[in-house]
């Protein structure tokens, strides 16, 4: 009898945990990484973290510069991209909404000009 009560309590706790997990509101963050000329940047690393600096996540862009973070908890996030040794500016406080896809565009800075012109 006592084992049955323990088993029932355990099953009830698991059920409550599943129900609580099911109530977490989620959404998607998606977008594109573009270079300074507006062309897509394939293979860029995109970092997303909650706006309080916690919970960092990363993904990569496809050949068309597209990225996606699917099924993340709603809230404010900061994003930036990294490619070819350069970082984009942070895009801050972008809000993931419940059951929605939030779109964002990240822009890479112009490449440094390595050429030097000498005039006399």
N, C-alpha and C. Protein backbone atom coordinates (compact mmCIF):
# COMPACT_ATOMS: atom_id res chain seq x y z
N UNK A 1 0.83 -1.19 0.00
CA UNK A 1 0.00 0.00 0.00
C UNK A 1 0.87 1.26 0.00
N UNK A 2 1.91 1.25 0.86
CA UNK A 2 2.79 2.41 0.96
C UNK A 2 3.52 2.62 -0.36
N UNK A 3 3.93 1.52 -1.02
CA UNK A 3 4.61 1.64 -2.31
C UNK A 3 3.69 2.23 -3.36
N UNK A 4 2.42 1.87 -3.31
CA UNK A 4 1.44 2.41 -4.26
C UNK A 4 1.28 3.91 -4.07
N UNK A 5 1.27 4.35 -2.82
CA UNK A 5 1.13 5.78 -2.53
C UNK A 5 2.34 6.55 -3.05
N UNK A 6 3.54 5.98 -2.85
CA UNK A 6 4.77 6.62 -3.32
C UNK A 6 4.75 6.69 -4.84
N UNK A 7 4.34 5.60 -5.48
CA UNK A 7 4.27 5.57 -6.93
C UNK A 7 3.27 6.59 -7.46
N UNK A 8 2.12 6.69 -6.84
CA UNK A 8 1.12 7.69 -7.24
C UNK A 8 1.63 9.11 -7.05
N UNK A 9 2.33 9.34 -5.95
CA UNK A 9 2.89 10.68 -5.71
C UNK A 9 3.94 11.02 -6.76
N UNK A 10 4.76 10.06 -7.11
CA UNK A 10 5.78 10.27 -8.13
C UNK A 10 5.15 10.56 -9.48
N UNK A 11 4.16 9.78 -9.85
CA UNK A 11 3.46 10.00 -11.12
C UNK A 11 2.78 11.37 -11.15
N UNK A 12 2.19 11.76 -10.05
CA UNK A 12 1.54 13.07 -9.98
C UNK A 12 2.57 14.18 -10.14
N UNK A 13 3.73 14.03 -9.49
CA UNK A 13 4.78 15.05 -9.61
C UNK A 13 5.27 15.14 -11.04
N UNK A 14 5.46 14.01 -11.69
CA UNK A 14 5.88 14.03 -13.09
C UNK A 14 4.84 14.68 -13.97
N UNK A 15 3.59 14.41 -13.70
CA UNK A 15 2.51 15.03 -14.47
C UNK A 15 2.49 16.53 -14.30
N UNK A 16 2.70 17.00 -13.08
CA UNK A 16 2.75 18.44 -12.83
C UNK A 16 3.94 19.07 -13.52
N UNK A 17 5.08 18.39 -13.48
CA UNK A 17 6.27 18.92 -14.15
C UNK A 17 6.03 19.02 -15.65
N UNK A 18 5.40 18.02 -16.23
CA UNK A 18 5.10 18.07 -17.66
C UNK A 18 4.12 19.18 -17.97
N UNK A 19 3.12 19.35 -17.13
CA UNK A 19 2.14 20.41 -17.35
C UNK A 19 2.79 21.78 -17.23
N UNK A 20 3.69 21.95 -16.26
CA UNK A 20 4.38 23.23 -16.10
C UNK A 20 5.26 23.50 -17.30
N UNK A 21 5.94 22.47 -17.79
CA UNK A 21 6.79 22.64 -18.96
C UNK A 21 5.96 23.00 -20.19
N UNK A 22 4.80 22.43 -20.32
CA UNK A 22 3.94 22.69 -21.47
C UNK A 22 3.45 24.14 -21.48
N UNK A 23 3.43 24.80 -20.33
CA UNK A 23 2.92 26.17 -20.25
C UNK A 23 3.97 27.22 -20.60
N UNK A 24 5.22 26.81 -20.84
CA UNK A 24 6.26 27.76 -21.21
C UNK A 24 5.94 28.32 -22.59
N UNK A 25 5.82 29.62 -22.67
CA UNK A 25 5.49 30.27 -23.94
C UNK A 25 6.75 30.34 -24.80
N UNK A 26 6.62 29.94 -26.06
CA UNK A 26 7.77 29.91 -26.95
C UNK A 26 7.48 30.62 -28.26
N UNK A 27 8.55 30.99 -28.94
CA UNK A 27 8.47 31.63 -30.25
C UNK A 27 9.77 31.40 -30.99
N UNK A 28 9.91 32.04 -32.13
CA UNK A 28 11.07 31.84 -32.99
C UNK A 28 11.70 33.18 -33.34
N UNK A 29 13.04 33.19 -33.40
CA UNK A 29 13.79 34.35 -33.87
C UNK A 29 14.45 33.93 -35.18
N UNK A 30 14.27 34.70 -36.22
CA UNK A 30 14.85 34.38 -37.52
C UNK A 30 15.32 35.66 -38.18
N UNK A 31 16.17 35.51 -39.20
CA UNK A 31 16.61 36.70 -39.90
C UNK A 31 17.68 36.40 -40.92
N UNK A 32 18.36 37.48 -41.30
CA UNK A 32 19.36 37.41 -42.34
C UNK A 32 20.58 38.22 -41.91
N UNK A 33 21.76 37.72 -42.28
CA UNK A 33 23.00 38.46 -42.08
C UNK A 33 23.43 38.97 -43.44
N UNK A 34 23.65 40.29 -43.52
CA UNK A 34 24.06 40.92 -44.77
C UNK A 34 25.42 41.58 -44.61
N UNK A 35 26.20 41.61 -45.72
CA UNK A 35 27.46 42.33 -45.67
C UNK A 35 27.20 43.82 -45.86
N UNK A 36 28.25 44.60 -45.90
CA UNK A 36 28.12 46.06 -46.00
C UNK A 36 27.47 46.50 -47.31
N UNK A 37 27.52 45.64 -48.33
CA UNK A 37 26.91 45.96 -49.62
C UNK A 37 25.50 45.40 -49.77
N UNK A 38 24.99 44.77 -48.68
CA UNK A 38 23.64 44.25 -48.71
C UNK A 38 23.50 42.84 -49.26
N UNK A 39 24.63 42.14 -49.42
CA UNK A 39 24.60 40.77 -49.93
C UNK A 39 24.58 39.80 -48.75
N UNK A 40 23.87 38.67 -48.90
CA UNK A 40 23.81 37.69 -47.81
C UNK A 40 25.17 37.11 -47.47
N UNK A 41 25.38 36.84 -46.18
CA UNK A 41 26.63 36.26 -45.69
C UNK A 41 26.35 34.82 -45.26
N UNK A 42 26.77 33.86 -46.07
CA UNK A 42 26.62 32.45 -45.72
C UNK A 42 27.70 32.02 -44.75
N UNK A 43 27.36 31.10 -43.86
CA UNK A 43 28.34 30.55 -42.93
C UNK A 43 28.69 31.45 -41.76
N UNK A 44 27.98 32.55 -41.57
CA UNK A 44 28.23 33.42 -40.42
C UNK A 44 27.71 32.76 -39.14
N UNK A 45 28.36 33.03 -38.03
CA UNK A 45 27.89 32.57 -36.74
C UNK A 45 27.01 33.67 -36.15
N UNK A 46 25.82 33.30 -35.74
CA UNK A 46 24.89 34.25 -35.11
C UNK A 46 24.74 33.85 -33.65
N UNK A 47 24.99 34.81 -32.77
CA UNK A 47 24.86 34.60 -31.34
C UNK A 47 23.62 35.32 -30.84
N UNK A 48 22.84 34.63 -30.02
CA UNK A 48 21.66 35.21 -29.39
C UNK A 48 21.75 34.91 -27.91
N UNK A 49 21.52 35.93 -27.10
CA UNK A 49 21.48 35.73 -25.64
C UNK A 49 20.36 36.56 -25.07
N UNK A 50 19.84 36.12 -23.93
CA UNK A 50 18.81 36.92 -23.28
C UNK A 50 19.40 38.29 -22.95
N UNK A 51 18.57 39.31 -22.92
CA UNK A 51 19.06 40.68 -22.75
C UNK A 51 19.74 40.91 -21.40
N UNK A 52 19.57 40.00 -20.47
CA UNK A 52 20.29 40.12 -19.20
C UNK A 52 21.68 39.49 -19.28
N UNK A 53 22.09 39.06 -20.48
CA UNK A 53 23.42 38.50 -20.69
C UNK A 53 23.52 37.02 -20.40
N UNK A 54 22.42 36.41 -20.05
CA UNK A 54 22.41 34.98 -19.74
C UNK A 54 21.95 34.18 -20.96
N UNK A 55 22.06 32.89 -20.85
CA UNK A 55 21.51 31.96 -21.84
C UNK A 55 21.98 32.23 -23.26
N UNK A 56 23.28 32.11 -23.53
CA UNK A 56 23.75 32.32 -24.90
C UNK A 56 23.44 31.11 -25.79
N UNK A 57 23.10 31.39 -27.02
CA UNK A 57 22.84 30.37 -28.02
C UNK A 57 23.55 30.79 -29.29
N UNK A 58 23.87 29.83 -30.15
CA UNK A 58 24.53 30.16 -31.41
C UNK A 58 24.00 29.25 -32.52
N UNK A 59 24.02 29.78 -33.73
CA UNK A 59 23.67 29.03 -34.93
C UNK A 59 24.47 29.60 -36.08
N UNK A 60 24.33 29.03 -37.25
CA UNK A 60 25.03 29.51 -38.44
C UNK A 60 24.04 29.84 -39.54
N UNK A 61 24.43 30.78 -40.39
CA UNK A 61 23.58 31.13 -41.52
C UNK A 61 23.76 30.10 -42.64
N UNK A 62 22.71 29.96 -43.45
CA UNK A 62 22.81 29.10 -44.62
C UNK A 62 23.45 29.90 -45.76
N UNK A 63 23.49 29.33 -46.94
CA UNK A 63 24.14 29.99 -48.09
C UNK A 63 23.48 31.32 -48.45
N UNK A 64 22.22 31.49 -48.06
CA UNK A 64 21.48 32.73 -48.35
C UNK A 64 21.53 33.73 -47.19
N UNK A 65 22.39 33.46 -46.20
CA UNK A 65 22.52 34.36 -45.05
C UNK A 65 21.40 34.24 -44.04
N UNK A 66 20.54 33.24 -44.17
CA UNK A 66 19.38 33.09 -43.29
C UNK A 66 19.76 32.26 -42.05
N UNK A 67 19.19 32.65 -40.91
CA UNK A 67 19.36 31.90 -39.66
C UNK A 67 18.03 31.79 -38.95
N UNK A 68 17.98 30.87 -38.00
CA UNK A 68 16.74 30.68 -37.26
C UNK A 68 17.03 30.05 -35.90
N UNK A 69 16.42 30.60 -34.87
CA UNK A 69 16.40 30.02 -33.54
C UNK A 69 14.95 29.63 -33.29
N UNK A 70 14.64 28.34 -33.34
CA UNK A 70 13.26 27.87 -33.22
C UNK A 70 12.96 27.42 -31.81
N UNK A 71 11.74 27.75 -31.37
CA UNK A 71 11.19 27.25 -30.12
C UNK A 71 11.98 27.71 -28.89
N UNK A 72 12.15 29.02 -28.78
CA UNK A 72 12.81 29.60 -27.61
C UNK A 72 11.79 30.31 -26.74
N UNK A 73 12.10 30.40 -25.45
CA UNK A 73 11.20 31.04 -24.50
C UNK A 73 11.02 32.51 -24.87
N UNK A 74 9.78 33.01 -24.72
CA UNK A 74 9.53 34.40 -25.05
C UNK A 74 10.35 35.30 -24.13
N UNK A 75 10.66 36.50 -24.62
CA UNK A 75 11.45 37.45 -23.85
C UNK A 75 12.32 38.28 -24.76
N UNK A 76 13.15 39.12 -24.15
CA UNK A 76 14.04 40.00 -24.90
C UNK A 76 15.40 39.35 -25.08
N UNK A 77 15.93 39.48 -26.30
CA UNK A 77 17.22 38.89 -26.64
C UNK A 77 18.08 39.91 -27.38
N UNK A 78 19.39 39.73 -27.26
CA UNK A 78 20.37 40.52 -28.00
C UNK A 78 21.05 39.60 -29.00
N UNK A 79 21.31 40.09 -30.21
CA UNK A 79 21.90 39.28 -31.25
C UNK A 79 23.05 40.00 -31.93
N UNK A 80 23.99 39.21 -32.44
CA UNK A 80 25.01 39.75 -33.33
C UNK A 80 25.61 38.60 -34.14
N UNK A 81 26.28 38.97 -35.22
CA UNK A 81 26.86 37.98 -36.13
C UNK A 81 28.37 38.12 -36.17
N UNK A 82 29.03 37.02 -36.53
CA UNK A 82 30.48 36.99 -36.67
C UNK A 82 30.81 36.27 -37.98
N UNK A 83 31.65 36.90 -38.80
CA UNK A 83 32.11 36.27 -40.05
C UNK A 83 33.38 36.97 -40.51
N UNK A 84 34.27 36.20 -41.07
CA UNK A 84 35.52 36.74 -41.65
C UNK A 84 36.28 37.63 -40.67
N UNK A 85 36.29 37.26 -39.40
CA UNK A 85 37.05 38.01 -38.40
C UNK A 85 36.40 39.30 -37.94
N UNK A 86 35.14 39.53 -38.31
CA UNK A 86 34.45 40.77 -37.91
C UNK A 86 33.12 40.45 -37.25
N UNK A 87 32.70 41.36 -36.36
CA UNK A 87 31.42 41.25 -35.69
C UNK A 87 30.48 42.34 -36.18
N UNK A 88 29.20 42.01 -36.25
CA UNK A 88 28.20 43.05 -36.48
C UNK A 88 27.98 43.79 -35.17
N UNK A 89 27.29 44.90 -35.23
CA UNK A 89 26.86 45.58 -34.01
C UNK A 89 25.82 44.69 -33.32
N UNK A 90 25.71 44.81 -32.00
CA UNK A 90 24.64 44.11 -31.28
C UNK A 90 23.31 44.72 -31.67
N UNK A 91 22.33 43.90 -31.93
CA UNK A 91 20.94 44.34 -32.05
C UNK A 91 20.30 43.94 -30.73
N UNK A 92 19.89 44.94 -29.96
CA UNK A 92 19.49 44.70 -28.58
C UNK A 92 17.98 44.75 -28.37
N UNK A 93 17.57 44.00 -27.35
CA UNK A 93 16.19 43.97 -26.86
C UNK A 93 15.17 43.63 -27.96
N UNK A 94 15.48 42.60 -28.72
CA UNK A 94 14.54 42.10 -29.72
C UNK A 94 13.65 41.09 -29.01
N UNK A 95 12.36 41.25 -29.14
CA UNK A 95 11.42 40.46 -28.35
C UNK A 95 10.89 39.26 -29.13
N UNK A 96 11.09 38.07 -28.58
CA UNK A 96 10.44 36.87 -29.13
C UNK A 96 9.04 36.83 -28.55
N UNK A 97 8.05 36.75 -29.43
CA UNK A 97 6.65 36.72 -29.02
C UNK A 97 6.10 35.31 -29.08
N UNK A 98 5.11 35.08 -28.29
CA UNK A 98 4.48 33.75 -28.19
C UNK A 98 3.94 33.31 -29.54
N UNK A 99 4.38 32.11 -29.96
CA UNK A 99 3.89 31.47 -31.19
C UNK A 99 4.08 32.32 -32.45
N UNK A 100 5.05 33.21 -32.43
CA UNK A 100 5.33 34.08 -33.58
C UNK A 100 6.79 33.92 -33.99
N UNK A 101 7.10 34.38 -35.21
CA UNK A 101 8.49 34.46 -35.66
C UNK A 101 8.87 35.92 -35.73
N UNK A 102 9.88 36.30 -34.97
CA UNK A 102 10.41 37.65 -34.97
C UNK A 102 11.56 37.70 -35.97
N UNK A 103 11.50 38.65 -36.90
CA UNK A 103 12.53 38.79 -37.95
C UNK A 103 13.49 39.91 -37.59
N UNK A 104 14.77 39.67 -37.85
CA UNK A 104 15.80 40.68 -37.59
C UNK A 104 16.87 40.57 -38.68
N UNK A 105 17.43 41.72 -39.05
CA UNK A 105 18.53 41.75 -40.01
C UNK A 105 19.78 42.23 -39.30
N UNK A 106 20.87 41.47 -39.46
CA UNK A 106 22.16 41.84 -38.89
C UNK A 106 23.07 42.26 -40.03
N UNK A 107 23.76 43.38 -39.87
CA UNK A 107 24.62 43.91 -40.93
C UNK A 107 26.07 43.91 -40.48
N UNK A 108 26.90 43.33 -41.33
CA UNK A 108 28.33 43.28 -41.06
C UNK A 108 28.95 44.63 -41.45
N UNK A 109 30.02 45.04 -40.76
CA UNK A 109 30.69 46.30 -41.11
C UNK A 109 31.47 46.14 -42.41
N UNK A 110 31.81 47.25 -43.05
CA UNK A 110 32.64 47.15 -44.26
C UNK A 110 33.99 46.54 -43.92
N UNK A 111 34.52 45.80 -44.85
CA UNK A 111 35.85 45.19 -44.64
C UNK A 111 36.90 46.29 -44.60
N UNK A 112 37.91 46.08 -43.77
CA UNK A 112 39.00 47.04 -43.68
C UNK A 112 39.75 47.04 -45.00
N UNK A 113 40.11 48.22 -45.45
CA UNK A 113 40.87 48.34 -46.71
C UNK A 113 42.33 48.12 -46.40
N UNK A 114 42.89 47.06 -46.97
CA UNK A 114 44.28 46.71 -46.70
C UNK A 114 45.27 47.46 -47.59
N UNK A 115 44.78 48.15 -48.60
CA UNK A 115 45.71 48.82 -49.50
C UNK A 115 46.17 50.16 -48.91
N UNK A 116 47.38 50.54 -49.27
CA UNK A 116 47.95 51.80 -48.80
C UNK A 116 48.36 52.58 -50.04
N UNK A 117 47.95 53.83 -50.09
CA UNK A 117 48.33 54.70 -51.20
C UNK A 117 49.35 55.71 -50.69
N UNK A 118 50.50 55.78 -51.40
CA UNK A 118 51.55 56.72 -51.02
C UNK A 118 51.60 57.79 -52.09
N UNK A 119 51.52 59.04 -51.67
CA UNK A 119 51.62 60.16 -52.60
C UNK A 119 52.85 60.98 -52.27
N UNK A 120 53.45 61.58 -53.31
CA UNK A 120 54.65 62.40 -53.10
C UNK A 120 54.32 63.85 -53.22
